[in-house]
Amino acid sequence: MAEYTTILDGLELRMQLGIHPHEAVPQRVCLTVEMTVDYPQPPRCDEIGEVLDYDFVREGIRALAEKRGFALQETLVEAVAALCFEDARVRRVRVRSMKPDVYPDAAVGCEIDRSR
């Protein structure tokens, strides 16, 4: 068995996320996703078909952001984790979200770690 960590770091997008009136408009959200992926063996050739193509995670997150708003970061990160687990090779996922513009002096975020 070969184990790799596939990382999507610093994905920045604008989306509706929050409970306050000023958060009713899309705001900047940054996401980092780390997936522990199991393969039966290391890649034999240098082709994307041998490994997890992380484009599906990036595109899936963008689709989530366009399709709906979220009240809670906790709900957002759970939805992203569920998206990652759509690939059966993903054994563990860590998702971190940050809202960098909520306060003038601090960013706020949420991080989860899920395994199956």
PDB file of N, CA and C in Angstrom:
ATOM      1  N   MET A   1       0.855  -1.183   0.000  1.00  0.00           N
ATOM      2  CA  MET A   1       0.000   0.000   0.000  1.00  0.00           C
ATOM      3  C   MET A   1       0.895   1.239   0.000  1.00  0.00           C
ATOM      4  N   ALA A   2       0.533   2.216  -0.806  1.00  0.00           N
ATOM      5  CA  ALA A   2       1.257   3.482  -0.873  1.00  0.00           C
ATOM      6  C   ALA A   2       0.342   4.605  -0.383  1.00  0.00           C
ATOM      7  N   GLU A   3       0.833   5.390   0.543  1.00  0.00           N
ATOM      8  CA  GLU A   3       0.048   6.483   1.118  1.00  0.00           C
ATOM      9  C   GLU A   3       0.671   7.819   0.724  1.00  0.00           C
ATOM     10  N   TYR A   4      -0.175   8.727   0.260  1.00  0.00           N
ATOM     11  CA  TYR A   4       0.268  10.069  -0.112  1.00  0.00           C
ATOM     12  C   TYR A   4      -0.675  11.084   0.519  1.00  0.00           C
ATOM     13  N   THR A   5      -0.182  12.290   0.753  1.00  0.00           N
ATOM     14  CA  THR A   5      -1.032  13.396   1.176  1.00  0.00           C
ATOM     15  C   THR A   5      -1.122  14.366   0.015  1.00  0.00           C
ATOM     16  N   THR A   6      -2.320  14.542  -0.484  1.00  0.00           N
ATOM     17  CA  THR A   6      -2.581  15.474  -1.575  1.00  0.00           C
ATOM     18  C   THR A   6      -3.139  16.750  -0.959  1.00  0.00           C
ATOM     19  N   ILE A   7      -2.566  17.890  -1.326  1.00  0.00           N
ATOM     20  CA  ILE A   7      -2.891  19.155  -0.660  1.00  0.00           C
ATOM     21  C   ILE A   7      -3.378  20.189  -1.669  1.00  0.00           C
ATOM     22  N   LEU A   8      -4.495  20.799  -1.347  1.00  0.00           N
ATOM     23  CA  LEU A   8      -4.991  21.974  -2.062  1.00  0.00           C
ATOM     24  C   LEU A   8      -4.909  23.107  -1.050  1.00  0.00           C
ATOM     25  N   ASP A   9      -3.987  24.033  -1.238  1.00  0.00           N
ATOM     26  CA  ASP A   9      -3.686  25.027  -0.213  1.00  0.00           C
ATOM     27  C   ASP A   9      -4.018  26.435  -0.691  1.00  0.00           C
ATOM     28  N   GLY A  10      -4.728  27.167   0.162  1.00  0.00           N
ATOM     29  CA  GLY A  10      -4.962  28.575  -0.104  1.00  0.00           C
ATOM     30  C   GLY A  10      -5.953  28.865  -1.218  1.00  0.00           C
ATOM     31  N   LEU A  11      -6.900  27.971  -1.442  1.00  0.00           N
ATOM     32  CA  LEU A  11      -7.934  28.249  -2.442  1.00  0.00           C
ATOM     33  C   LEU A  11      -8.758  29.433  -1.956  1.00  0.00           C
ATOM     34  N   GLU A  12      -8.748  30.502  -2.712  1.00  0.00           N
ATOM     35  CA  GLU A  12      -9.464  31.713  -2.312  1.00  0.00           C
ATOM     36  C   GLU A  12     -10.643  31.933  -3.251  1.00  0.00           C
ATOM     37  N   LEU A  13     -11.810  32.146  -2.654  1.00  0.00           N
ATOM     38  CA  LEU A  13     -12.993  32.424  -3.440  1.00  0.00           C
ATOM     39  C   LEU A  13     -13.905  33.364  -2.686  1.00  0.00           C
ATOM     40  N   ARG A  14     -14.870  33.890  -3.397  1.00  0.00           N
ATOM     41  CA  ARG A  14     -15.868  34.769  -2.768  1.00  0.00           C
ATOM     42  C   ARG A  14     -17.154  33.979  -2.676  1.00  0.00           C
ATOM     43  N   MET A  15     -17.719  33.977  -1.471  1.00  0.00           N
ATOM     44  CA  MET A  15     -18.951  33.231  -1.259  1.00  0.00           C
ATOM     45  C   MET A  15     -19.720  33.818  -0.096  1.00  0.00           C
ATOM     46  N   GLN A  16     -20.982  33.442  -0.016  1.00  0.00           N
ATOM     47  CA  GLN A  16     -21.799  33.861   1.116  1.00  0.00           C
ATOM     48  C   GLN A  16     -21.542  32.887   2.259  1.00  0.00           C
ATOM     49  N   LEU A  17     -21.025  33.417   3.362  1.00  0.00           N
ATOM     50  CA  LEU A  17     -20.698  32.589   4.514  1.00  0.00           C
ATOM     51  C   LEU A  17     -20.781  33.451   5.759  1.00  0.00           C
ATOM     52  N   GLY A  18     -21.778  33.183   6.589  1.00  0.00           N
ATOM     53  CA  GLY A  18     -21.875  33.921   7.835  1.00  0.00           C
ATOM     54  C   GLY A  18     -23.300  34.131   8.286  1.00  0.00           C
ATOM     55  N   ILE A  19     -23.426  34.638   9.510  1.00  0.00           N
ATOM     56  CA  ILE A  19     -24.742  34.836  10.127  1.00  0.00           C
ATOM     57  C   ILE A  19     -25.096  36.298  10.329  1.00  0.00           C
ATOM     58  N   HIS A  20     -24.112  37.173  10.167  1.00  0.00           N
ATOM     59  CA  HIS A  20     -24.332  38.594  10.429  1.00  0.00           C
ATOM     60  C   HIS A  20     -24.868  39.309   9.188  1.00  0.00           C
ATOM     61  N   PRO A  21     -25.643  40.377   9.385  1.00  0.00           N
ATOM     62  CA  PRO A  21     -26.202  41.108   8.236  1.00  0.00           C
ATOM     63  C   PRO A  21     -25.148  41.544   7.214  1.00  0.00           C
ATOM     64  N   HIS A  22     -23.976  41.968   7.687  1.00  0.00           N
ATOM     65  CA  HIS A  22     -22.939  42.404   6.746  1.00  0.00           C
ATOM     66  C   HIS A  22     -22.320  41.248   5.966  1.00  0.00           C
ATOM     67  N   GLU A  23     -22.636  39.998   6.359  1.00  0.00           N
ATOM     68  CA  GLU A  23     -22.126  38.830   5.648  1.00  0.00           C
ATOM     69  C   GLU A  23     -23.131  38.295   4.630  1.00  0.00           C
ATOM     70  N   ALA A  24     -24.183  39.054   4.369  1.00  0.00           N
ATOM     71  CA  ALA A  24     -25.194  38.636   3.394  1.00  0.00           C
ATOM     72  C   ALA A  24     -24.657  38.723   1.969  1.00  0.00           C
ATOM     73  N   VAL A  25     -23.625  39.492   1.781  1.00  0.00           N
ATOM     74  CA  VAL A  25     -22.988  39.584   0.463  1.00  0.00           C
ATOM     75  C   VAL A  25     -21.768  38.655   0.458  1.00  0.00           C
ATOM     76  N   PRO A  26     -21.388  38.154  -0.706  1.00  0.00           N
ATOM     77  CA  PRO A  26     -20.222  37.264  -0.750  1.00  0.00           C
ATOM     78  C   PRO A  26     -18.974  37.929  -0.172  1.00  0.00           C
ATOM     79  N   GLN A  27     -18.205  37.135   0.551  1.00  0.00           N
ATOM     80  CA  GLN A  27     -16.957  37.619   1.131  1.00  0.00           C
ATOM     81  C   GLN A  27     -15.833  36.660   0.785  1.00  0.00           C
ATOM     82  N   ARG A  28     -14.625  37.100   1.022  1.00  0.00           N
ATOM     83  CA  ARG A  28     -13.456  36.279   0.727  1.00  0.00           C
ATOM     84  C   ARG A  28     -13.339  35.146   1.743  1.00  0.00           C
ATOM     85  N   VAL A  29     -13.158  33.935   1.233  1.00  0.00           N
ATOM     86  CA  VAL A  29     -12.982  32.742   2.063  1.00  0.00           C
ATOM     87  C   VAL A  29     -11.777  31.990   1.504  1.00  0.00           C
ATOM     88  N   CYS A  30     -10.902  31.546   2.386  1.00  0.00           N
ATOM     89  CA  CYS A  30      -9.725  30.770   1.989  1.00  0.00           C
ATOM     90  C   CYS A  30      -9.852  29.359   2.555  1.00  0.00           C
ATOM     91  N   LEU A  31      -9.597  28.379   1.717  1.00  0.00           N
ATOM     92  CA  LEU A  31      -9.718  26.975   2.125  1.00  0.00           C
ATOM     93  C   LEU A  31      -8.421  26.221   1.855  1.00  0.00           C
ATOM     94  N   THR A  32      -8.103  25.339   2.778  1.00  0.00           N
ATOM     95  CA  THR A  32      -7.005  24.401   2.596  1.00  0.00           C
ATOM     96  C   THR A  32      -7.554  23.005   2.845  1.00  0.00           C
ATOM     97  N   VAL A  33      -7.222  22.087   1.950  1.00  0.00           N
ATOM     98  CA  VAL A  33      -7.697  20.710   2.047  1.00  0.00           C
ATOM     99  C   VAL A  33      -6.488  19.782   1.951  1.00  0.00           C
ATOM    100  N   GLU A  34      -6.364  18.883   2.919  1.00  0.00           N
ATOM    101  CA  GLU A  34      -5.322  17.858   2.899  1.00  0.00           C
ATOM    102  C   GLU A  34      -6.011  16.499   2.908  1.00  0.00           C
ATOM    103  N   MET A  35      -5.698  15.687   1.926  1.00  0.00           N
ATOM    104  CA  MET A  35      -6.314  14.365   1.813  1.00  0.00           C
ATOM    105  C   MET A  35      -5.242  13.288   1.896  1.00  0.00           C
ATOM    106  N   THR A  36      -5.417  12.341   2.794  1.00  0.00           N
ATOM    107  CA  THR A  36      -4.563  11.163   2.827  1.00  0.00           C
ATOM    108  C   THR A  36      -5.192  10.161   1.870  1.00  0.00           C
ATOM    109  N   VAL A  37      -4.404   9.790   0.866  1.00  0.00           N
ATOM    110  CA  VAL A  37      -4.916   8.952  -0.218  1.00  0.00           C
ATOM    111  C   VAL A  37      -4.123   7.656  -0.249  1.00  0.00           C
ATOM    112  N   ASP A  38      -4.839   6.536  -0.298  1.00  0.00           N
ATOM    113  CA  ASP A  38      -4.207   5.217  -0.366  1.00  0.00           C
ATOM    114  C   ASP A  38      -4.279   4.677  -1.783  1.00  0.00           C
ATOM    115  N   TYR A  39      -3.136   4.195  -2.260  1.00  0.00           N
ATOM    116  CA  TYR A  39      -3.046   3.539  -3.564  1.00  0.00           C
ATOM    117  C   TYR A  39      -2.517   2.125  -3.344  1.00  0.00           C
ATOM    118  N   PRO A  40      -2.893   1.195  -4.189  1.00  0.00           N
ATOM    119  CA  PRO A  40      -2.381  -0.174  -4.019  1.00  0.00           C
ATOM    120  C   PRO A  40      -0.856  -0.243  -4.121  1.00  0.00           C
ATOM    121  N   GLN A  41      -0.271   0.690  -4.892  1.00  0.00           N
ATOM    122  CA  GLN A  41       1.183   0.751  -5.063  1.00  0.00           C
ATOM    123  C   GLN A  41       1.552   2.154  -5.537  1.00  0.00           C
ATOM    124  N   PRO A  42       2.811   2.531  -5.454  1.00  0.00           N
ATOM    125  CA  PRO A  42       3.213   3.839  -5.974  1.00  0.00           C
ATOM    126  C   PRO A  42       2.912   3.928  -7.478  1.00  0.00           C
ATOM    127  N   PRO A  43       2.748   5.135  -7.990  1.00  0.00           N
ATOM    128  CA  PRO A  43       2.469   5.271  -9.427  1.00  0.00           C
ATOM    129  C   PRO A  43       3.555   4.599 -10.267  1.00  0.00           C
ATOM    130  N   ARG A  44       3.121   3.850 -11.263  1.00  0.00           N
ATOM    131  CA  ARG A  44       4.066   3.155 -12.137  1.00  0.00           C
ATOM    132  C   ARG A  44       4.514   4.025 -13.306  1.00  0.00           C
ATOM    133  N   CYS A  45       3.661   4.971 -13.674  1.00  0.00           N
ATOM    134  CA  CYS A  45       4.027   5.877 -14.760  1.00  0.00           C
ATOM    135  C   CYS A  45       3.628   7.298 -14.361  1.00  0.00           C
ATOM    136  N   ASP A  46       4.133   8.242 -15.068  1.00  0.00           N
ATOM    137  CA  ASP A  46       3.952   9.646 -14.733  1.00  0.00           C
ATOM    138  C   ASP A  46       2.698  10.193 -15.420  1.00  0.00           C
ATOM    139  N   GLU A  47       1.534   9.633 -15.049  1.00  0.00           N
ATOM    140  CA  GLU A  47       0.263  10.024 -15.656  1.00  0.00           C
ATOM    141  C   GLU A  47      -0.793  10.226 -14.574  1.00  0.00           C
ATOM    142  N   ILE A  48      -1.667  11.208 -14.772  1.00  0.00           N
ATOM    143  CA  ILE A  48      -2.671  11.578 -13.776  1.00  0.00           C
ATOM    144  C   ILE A  48      -3.625  10.428 -13.452  1.00  0.00           C
ATOM    145  N   GLY A  49      -3.843   9.529 -14.366  1.00  0.00           N
ATOM    146  CA  GLY A  49      -4.729   8.395 -14.115  1.00  0.00           C
ATOM    147  C   GLY A  49      -4.245   7.477 -13.015  1.00  0.00           C
ATOM    148  N   GLU A  50      -2.992   7.616 -12.634  1.00  0.00           N
ATOM    149  CA  GLU A  50      -2.404   6.778 -11.584  1.00  0.00           C
ATOM    150  C   GLU A  50      -2.732   7.273 -10.176  1.00  0.00           C
ATOM    151  N   VAL A  51      -3.167   8.543 -10.078  1.00  0.00           N
ATOM    152  CA  VAL A  51      -3.361   9.159  -8.765  1.00  0.00           C
ATOM    153  C   VAL A  51      -4.670   9.946  -8.732  1.00  0.00           C
ATOM    154  N   LEU A  52      -4.990  10.469  -7.558  1.00  0.00           N
ATOM    155  CA  LEU A  52      -6.158  11.313  -7.393  1.00  0.00           C
ATOM    156  C   LEU A  52      -5.924  12.634  -8.127  1.00  0.00           C
ATOM    157  N   ASP A  53      -6.847  13.011  -8.956  1.00  0.00           N
ATOM    158  CA  ASP A  53      -6.780  14.289  -9.661  1.00  0.00           C
ATOM    159  C   ASP A  53      -7.497  15.324  -8.797  1.00  0.00           C
ATOM    160  N   TYR A  54      -6.757  16.201  -8.159  1.00  0.00           N
ATOM    161  CA  TYR A  54      -7.350  17.132  -7.194  1.00  0.00           C
ATOM    162  C   TYR A  54      -8.209  18.202  -7.855  1.00  0.00           C
ATOM    163  N   ASP A  55      -8.258  18.225  -9.189  1.00  0.00           N
ATOM    164  CA  ASP A  55      -9.159  19.166  -9.865  1.00  0.00           C
ATOM    165  C   ASP A  55     -10.604  18.961  -9.410  1.00  0.00           C
ATOM    166  N   PHE A  56     -10.982  17.720  -9.133  1.00  0.00           N
ATOM    167  CA  PHE A  56     -12.373  17.462  -8.733  1.00  0.00           C
ATOM    168  C   PHE A  56     -12.691  18.143  -7.401  1.00  0.00           C
ATOM    169  N   VAL A  57     -11.712  18.259  -6.516  1.00  0.00           N
ATOM    170  CA  VAL A  57     -11.940  18.931  -5.230  1.00  0.00           C
ATOM    171  C   VAL A  57     -12.082  20.434  -5.452  1.00  0.00           C
ATOM    172  N   ARG A  58     -11.172  21.009  -6.206  1.00  0.00           N
ATOM    173  CA  ARG A  58     -11.224  22.447  -6.482  1.00  0.00           C
ATOM    174  C   ARG A  58     -12.524  22.821  -7.188  1.00  0.00           C
ATOM    175  N   GLU A  59     -12.851  22.089  -8.227  1.00  0.00           N
ATOM    176  CA  GLU A  59     -14.084  22.372  -8.971  1.00  0.00           C
ATOM    177  C   GLU A  59     -15.318  22.128  -8.106  1.00  0.00           C
ATOM    178  N   GLY A  60     -15.286  21.089  -7.275  1.00  0.00           N
ATOM    179  CA  GLY A  60     -16.410  20.781  -6.395  1.00  0.00           C
ATOM    180  C   GLY A  60     -16.636  21.868  -5.354  1.00  0.00           C
ATOM    181  N   ILE A  61     -15.558  22.404  -4.801  1.00  0.00           N
ATOM    182  CA  ILE A  61     -15.672  23.490  -3.822  1.00  0.00           C
ATOM    183  C   ILE A  61     -16.244  24.727  -4.495  1.00  0.00           C
ATOM    184  N   ARG A  62     -15.756  25.037  -5.674  1.00  0.00           N
ATOM    185  CA  ARG A  62     -16.280  26.203  -6.402  1.00  0.00           C
ATOM    186  C   ARG A  62     -17.768  26.033  -6.701  1.00  0.00           C
ATOM    187  N   ALA A  63     -18.180  24.826  -7.054  1.00  0.00           N
ATOM    188  CA  ALA A  63     -19.601  24.564  -7.319  1.00  0.00           C
ATOM    189  C   ALA A  63     -20.431  24.730  -6.051  1.00  0.00           C
ATOM    190  N   LEU A  64     -19.925  24.239  -4.923  1.00  0.00           N
ATOM    191  CA  LEU A  64     -20.627  24.425  -3.642  1.00  0.00           C
ATOM    192  C   LEU A  64     -20.818  25.904  -3.339  1.00  0.00           C
ATOM    193  N   ALA A  65     -19.762  26.686  -3.539  1.00  0.00           N
ATOM    194  CA  ALA A  65     -19.806  28.117  -3.239  1.00  0.00           C
ATOM    195  C   ALA A  65     -20.786  28.849  -4.142  1.00  0.00           C
ATOM    196  N   GLU A  66     -20.887  28.427  -5.383  1.00  0.00           N
ATOM    197  CA  GLU A  66     -21.801  29.078  -6.327  1.00  0.00           C
ATOM    198  C   GLU A  66     -23.243  28.652  -6.112  1.00  0.00           C
ATOM    199  N   LYS A  67     -23.424  27.412  -5.679  1.00  0.00           N
ATOM    200  CA  LYS A  67     -24.764  26.832  -5.561  1.00  0.00           C
ATOM    201  C   LYS A  67     -25.518  27.330  -4.339  1.00  0.00           C
ATOM    202  N   ARG A  68     -24.798  27.543  -3.238  1.00  0.00           N
ATOM    203  CA  ARG A  68     -25.488  27.883  -1.996  1.00  0.00           C
ATOM    204  C   ARG A  68     -24.594  28.698  -1.081  1.00  0.00           C
ATOM    205  N   GLY A  69     -25.222  29.370  -0.147  1.00  0.00           N
ATOM    206  CA  GLY A  69     -24.493  30.046   0.901  1.00  0.00           C
ATOM    207  C   GLY A  69     -24.483  29.176   2.142  1.00  0.00           C
ATOM    208  N   PHE A  70     -23.586  29.471   3.039  1.00  0.00           N
ATOM    209  CA  PHE A  70     -23.482  28.738   4.298  1.00  0.00           C
ATOM    210  C   PHE A  70     -23.576  29.736   5.446  1.00  0.00           C
ATOM    211  N   ALA A  71     -24.281  29.357   6.486  1.00  0.00           N
ATOM    212  CA  ALA A  71     -24.323  30.185   7.686  1.00  0.00           C
ATOM    213  C   ALA A  71     -23.065  29.962   8.525  1.00  0.00           C
ATOM    214  N   LEU A  72     -22.612  28.721   8.586  1.00  0.00           N
ATOM    215  CA  LEU A  72     -21.521  28.350   9.482  1.00  0.00           C
ATOM    216  C   LEU A  72     -20.317  27.796   8.724  1.00  0.00           C
ATOM    217  N   GLN A  73     -19.137  28.147   9.194  1.00  0.00           N
ATOM    218  CA  GLN A  73     -17.930  27.546   8.629  1.00  0.00           C
ATOM    219  C   GLN A  73     -17.902  26.038   8.903  1.00  0.00           C
ATOM    220  N   GLU A  74     -18.456  25.642  10.033  1.00  0.00           N
ATOM    221  CA  GLU A  74     -18.501  24.217  10.371  1.00  0.00           C
ATOM    222  C   GLU A  74     -19.269  23.416   9.317  1.00  0.00           C
ATOM    223  N   THR A  75     -20.358  23.987   8.829  1.00  0.00           N
ATOM    224  CA  THR A  75     -21.151  23.318   7.799  1.00  0.00           C
ATOM    225  C   THR A  75     -20.382  23.274   6.481  1.00  0.00           C
ATOM    226  N   LEU A  76     -19.704  24.354   6.163  1.00  0.00           N
ATOM    227  CA  LEU A  76     -18.907  24.407   4.938  1.00  0.00           C
ATOM    228  C   LEU A  76     -17.813  23.351   4.940  1.00  0.00           C
ATOM    229  N   VAL A  77     -17.032  23.270   6.016  1.00  0.00           N
ATOM    230  CA  VAL A  77     -15.925  22.310   6.029  1.00  0.00           C
ATOM    231  C   VAL A  77     -16.420  20.868   6.018  1.00  0.00           C
ATOM    232  N   GLU A  78     -17.568  20.603   6.634  1.00  0.00           N
ATOM    233  CA  GLU A  78     -18.142  19.249   6.561  1.00  0.00           C
ATOM    234  C   GLU A  78     -18.553  18.916   5.127  1.00  0.00           C
ATOM    235  N   ALA A  79     -19.120  19.889   4.409  1.00  0.00           N
ATOM    236  CA  ALA A  79     -19.520  19.663   3.016  1.00  0.00           C
ATOM    237  C   ALA A  79     -18.291  19.399   2.143  1.00  0.00           C
ATOM    238  N   VAL A  80     -17.205  20.107   2.401  1.00  0.00           N
ATOM    239  CA  VAL A  80     -15.975  19.886   1.634  1.00  0.00           C
ATOM    240  C   VAL A  80     -15.394  18.508   1.946  1.00  0.00           C
ATOM    241  N   ALA A  81     -15.417  18.104   3.212  1.00  0.00           N
ATOM    242  CA  ALA A  81     -14.925  16.768   3.576  1.00  0.00           C
ATOM    243  C   ALA A  81     -15.740  15.688   2.875  1.00  0.00           C
ATOM    244  N   ALA A  82     -17.059  15.842   2.858  1.00  0.00           N
ATOM    245  CA  ALA A  82     -17.920  14.866   2.179  1.00  0.00           C
ATOM    246  C   ALA A  82     -17.584  14.795   0.690  1.00  0.00           C
ATOM    247  N   LEU A  83     -17.307  15.932   0.087  1.00  0.00           N
ATOM    248  CA  LEU A  83     -16.905  15.964  -1.314  1.00  0.00           C
ATOM    249  C   LEU A  83     -15.634  15.146  -1.530  1.00  0.00           C
ATOM    250  N   CYS A  84     -14.655  15.322  -0.671  1.00  0.00           N
ATOM    251  CA  CYS A  84     -13.394  14.584  -0.798  1.00  0.00           C
ATOM    252  C   CYS A  84     -13.602  13.083  -0.681  1.00  0.00           C
ATOM    253  N   PHE A  85     -14.489  12.672   0.211  1.00  0.00           N
ATOM    254  CA  PHE A  85     -14.737  11.247   0.422  1.00  0.00           C
ATOM    255  C   PHE A  85     -15.499  10.598  -0.728  1.00  0.00           C
ATOM    256  N   GLU A  86     -15.926  11.393  -1.712  1.00  0.00           N
ATOM    257  CA  GLU A  86     -16.536  10.803  -2.901  1.00  0.00           C
ATOM    258  C   GLU A  86     -15.531   9.949  -3.669  1.00  0.00           C
ATOM    259  N   ASP A  87     -14.238  10.213  -3.478  1.00  0.00           N
ATOM    260  CA  ASP A  87     -13.205   9.357  -4.054  1.00  0.00           C
ATOM    261  C   ASP A  87     -12.866   8.297  -3.009  1.00  0.00           C
ATOM    262  N   ALA A  88     -13.109   7.049  -3.328  1.00  0.00           N
ATOM    263  CA  ALA A  88     -12.951   5.953  -2.365  1.00  0.00           C
ATOM    264  C   ALA A  88     -11.521   5.788  -1.868  1.00  0.00           C
ATOM    265  N   ARG A  89     -10.552   6.337  -2.579  1.00  0.00           N
ATOM    266  CA  ARG A  89      -9.159   6.202  -2.157  1.00  0.00           C
ATOM    267  C   ARG A  89      -8.786   7.160  -1.027  1.00  0.00           C
ATOM    268  N   VAL A  90      -9.629   8.160  -0.785  1.00  0.00           N
ATOM    269  CA  VAL A  90      -9.349   9.122   0.278  1.00  0.00           C
ATOM    270  C   VAL A  90      -9.717   8.489   1.615  1.00  0.00           C
ATOM    271  N   ARG A  91      -8.715   8.338   2.485  1.00  0.00           N
ATOM    272  CA  ARG A  91      -8.924   7.711   3.783  1.00  0.00           C
ATOM    273  C   ARG A  91      -9.131   8.739   4.892  1.00  0.00           C
ATOM    274  N   ARG A  92      -8.477   9.886   4.737  1.00  0.00           N
ATOM    275  CA  ARG A  92      -8.544  10.927   5.762  1.00  0.00           C
ATOM    276  C   ARG A  92      -8.540  12.273   5.070  1.00  0.00           C
ATOM    277  N   VAL A  93      -9.256  13.229   5.672  1.00  0.00           N
ATOM    278  CA  VAL A  93      -9.271  14.571   5.107  1.00  0.00           C
ATOM    279  C   VAL A  93      -9.245  15.602   6.231  1.00  0.00           C
ATOM    280  N   ARG A  94      -8.466  16.631   6.019  1.00  0.00           N
ATOM    281  CA  ARG A  94      -8.438  17.783   6.926  1.00  0.00           C
ATOM    282  C   ARG A  94      -8.838  18.995   6.087  1.00  0.00           C
ATOM    283  N   VAL A  95      -9.816  19.739   6.575  1.00  0.00           N
ATOM    284  CA  VAL A  95     -10.302  20.917   5.853  1.00  0.00           C
ATOM    285  C   VAL A  95     -10.230  22.111   6.793  1.00  0.00           C
ATOM    286  N   ARG A  96      -9.673  23.195   6.277  1.00  0.00           N
ATOM    287  CA  ARG A  96      -9.566  24.429   7.057  1.00  0.00           C
ATOM    288  C   ARG A  96     -10.154  25.578   6.248  1.00  0.00           C
ATOM    289  N   SER A  97     -11.040  26.343   6.872  1.00  0.00           N
ATOM    290  CA  SER A  97     -11.593  27.533   6.234  1.00  0.00           C
ATOM    291  C   SER A  97     -11.205  28.755   7.055  1.00  0.00           C
ATOM    292  N   MET A  98     -10.985  29.860   6.370  1.00  0.00           N
ATOM    293  CA  MET A  98     -10.650  31.121   7.023  1.00  0.00           C
ATOM    294  C   MET A  98     -11.424  32.250   6.359  1.00  0.00           C
ATOM    295  N   LYS A  99     -11.991  33.114   7.186  1.00  0.00           N
ATOM    296  CA  LYS A  99     -12.610  34.345   6.710  1.00  0.00           C
ATOM    297  C   LYS A  99     -11.658  35.472   7.121  1.00  0.00           C
ATOM    298  N   PRO A 100     -10.818  35.937   6.194  1.00  0.00           N
ATOM    299  CA  PRO A 100      -9.772  36.894   6.571  1.00  0.00           C
ATOM    300  C   PRO A 100     -10.244  38.331   6.768  1.00  0.00           C
ATOM    301  N   ASP A 101     -11.451  38.646   6.344  1.00  0.00           N
ATOM    302  CA  ASP A 101     -11.880  40.043   6.362  1.00  0.00           C
ATOM    303  C   ASP A 101     -13.004  40.342   7.352  1.00  0.00           C
ATOM    304  N   VAL A 102     -13.338  39.421   8.239  1.00  0.00           N
ATOM    305  CA  VAL A 102     -14.444  39.635   9.174  1.00  0.00           C
ATOM    306  C   VAL A 102     -14.113  40.750  10.161  1.00  0.00           C
ATOM    307  N   TYR A 103     -12.910  40.716  10.703  1.00  0.00           N
ATOM    308  CA  TYR A 103     -12.468  41.720  11.662  1.00  0.00           C
ATOM    309  C   TYR A 103     -11.256  42.452  11.086  1.00  0.00           C
ATOM    310  N   PRO A 104     -11.071  43.694  11.466  1.00  0.00           N
ATOM    311  CA  PRO A 104      -9.904  44.422  10.958  1.00  0.00           C
ATOM    312  C   PRO A 104      -8.581  43.927  11.552  1.00  0.00           C
ATOM    313  N   ASP A 105      -8.669  43.233  12.687  1.00  0.00           N
ATOM    314  CA  ASP A 105      -7.447  42.821  13.369  1.00  0.00           C
ATOM    315  C   ASP A 105      -7.265  41.310  13.493  1.00  0.00           C
ATOM    316  N   ALA A 106      -8.145  40.519  12.864  1.00  0.00           N
ATOM    317  CA  ALA A 106      -8.015  39.068  12.982  1.00  0.00           C
ATOM    318  C   ALA A 106      -8.842  38.357  11.918  1.00  0.00           C
ATOM    319  N   ALA A 107      -8.377  37.197  11.524  1.00  0.00           N
ATOM    320  CA  ALA A 107      -9.148  36.297  10.666  1.00  0.00           C
ATOM    321  C   ALA A 107      -9.810  35.261  11.571  1.00  0.00           C
ATOM    322  N   VAL A 108     -10.919  34.688  11.109  1.00  0.00           N
ATOM    323  CA  VAL A 108     -11.586  33.637  11.874  1.00  0.00           C
ATOM    324  C   VAL A 108     -11.720  32.403  10.995  1.00  0.00           C
ATOM    325  N   GLY A 109     -11.645  31.233  11.618  1.00  0.00           N
ATOM    326  CA  GLY A 109     -11.679  30.015  10.824  1.00  0.00           C
ATOM    327  C   GLY A 109     -12.171  28.814  11.584  1.00  0.00           C
ATOM    328  N   CYS A 110     -12.180  27.710  10.873  1.00  0.00           N
ATOM    329  CA  CYS A 110     -12.607  26.425  11.429  1.00  0.00           C
ATOM    330  C   CYS A 110     -11.815  25.334  10.724  1.00  0.00           C
ATOM    331  N   GLU A 111     -11.428  24.309  11.471  1.00  0.00           N
ATOM    332  CA  GLU A 111     -10.695  23.185  10.891  1.00  0.00           C
ATOM    333  C   GLU A 111     -11.255  21.890  11.438  1.00  0.00           C
ATOM    334  N   ILE A 112     -11.407  20.907  10.544  1.00  0.00           N
ATOM    335  CA  ILE A 112     -11.831  19.576  10.968  1.00  0.00           C
ATOM    336  C   ILE A 112     -10.883  18.538  10.411  1.00  0.00           C
ATOM    337  N   ASP A 113     -10.884  17.390  11.028  1.00  0.00           N
ATOM    338  CA  ASP A 113     -10.080  16.246  10.594  1.00  0.00           C
ATOM    339  C   ASP A 113     -11.027  15.046  10.639  1.00  0.00           C
ATOM    340  N   ARG A 114     -11.261  14.431   9.494  1.00  0.00           N
ATOM    341  CA  ARG A 114     -12.194  13.299   9.411  1.00  0.00           C
ATOM    342  C   ARG A 114     -11.493  12.098   8.782  1.00  0.00           C
ATOM    343  N   SER A 115     -11.826  10.921   9.272  1.00  0.00           N
ATOM    344  CA  SER A 115     -11.275   9.676   8.732  1.00  0.00           C
ATOM    345  C   SER A 115     -12.403   8.701   8.485  1.00  0.00           C
ATOM    346  N   ARG A 116     -12.103   7.747   7.638  1.00  0.00           N
ATOM    347  CA  ARG A 116     -13.061   6.645   7.480  1.00  0.00           C
ATOM    348  C   ARG A 116     -12.326   5.328   7.559  1.00  0.00           C
TER     349      ARG A 116
END
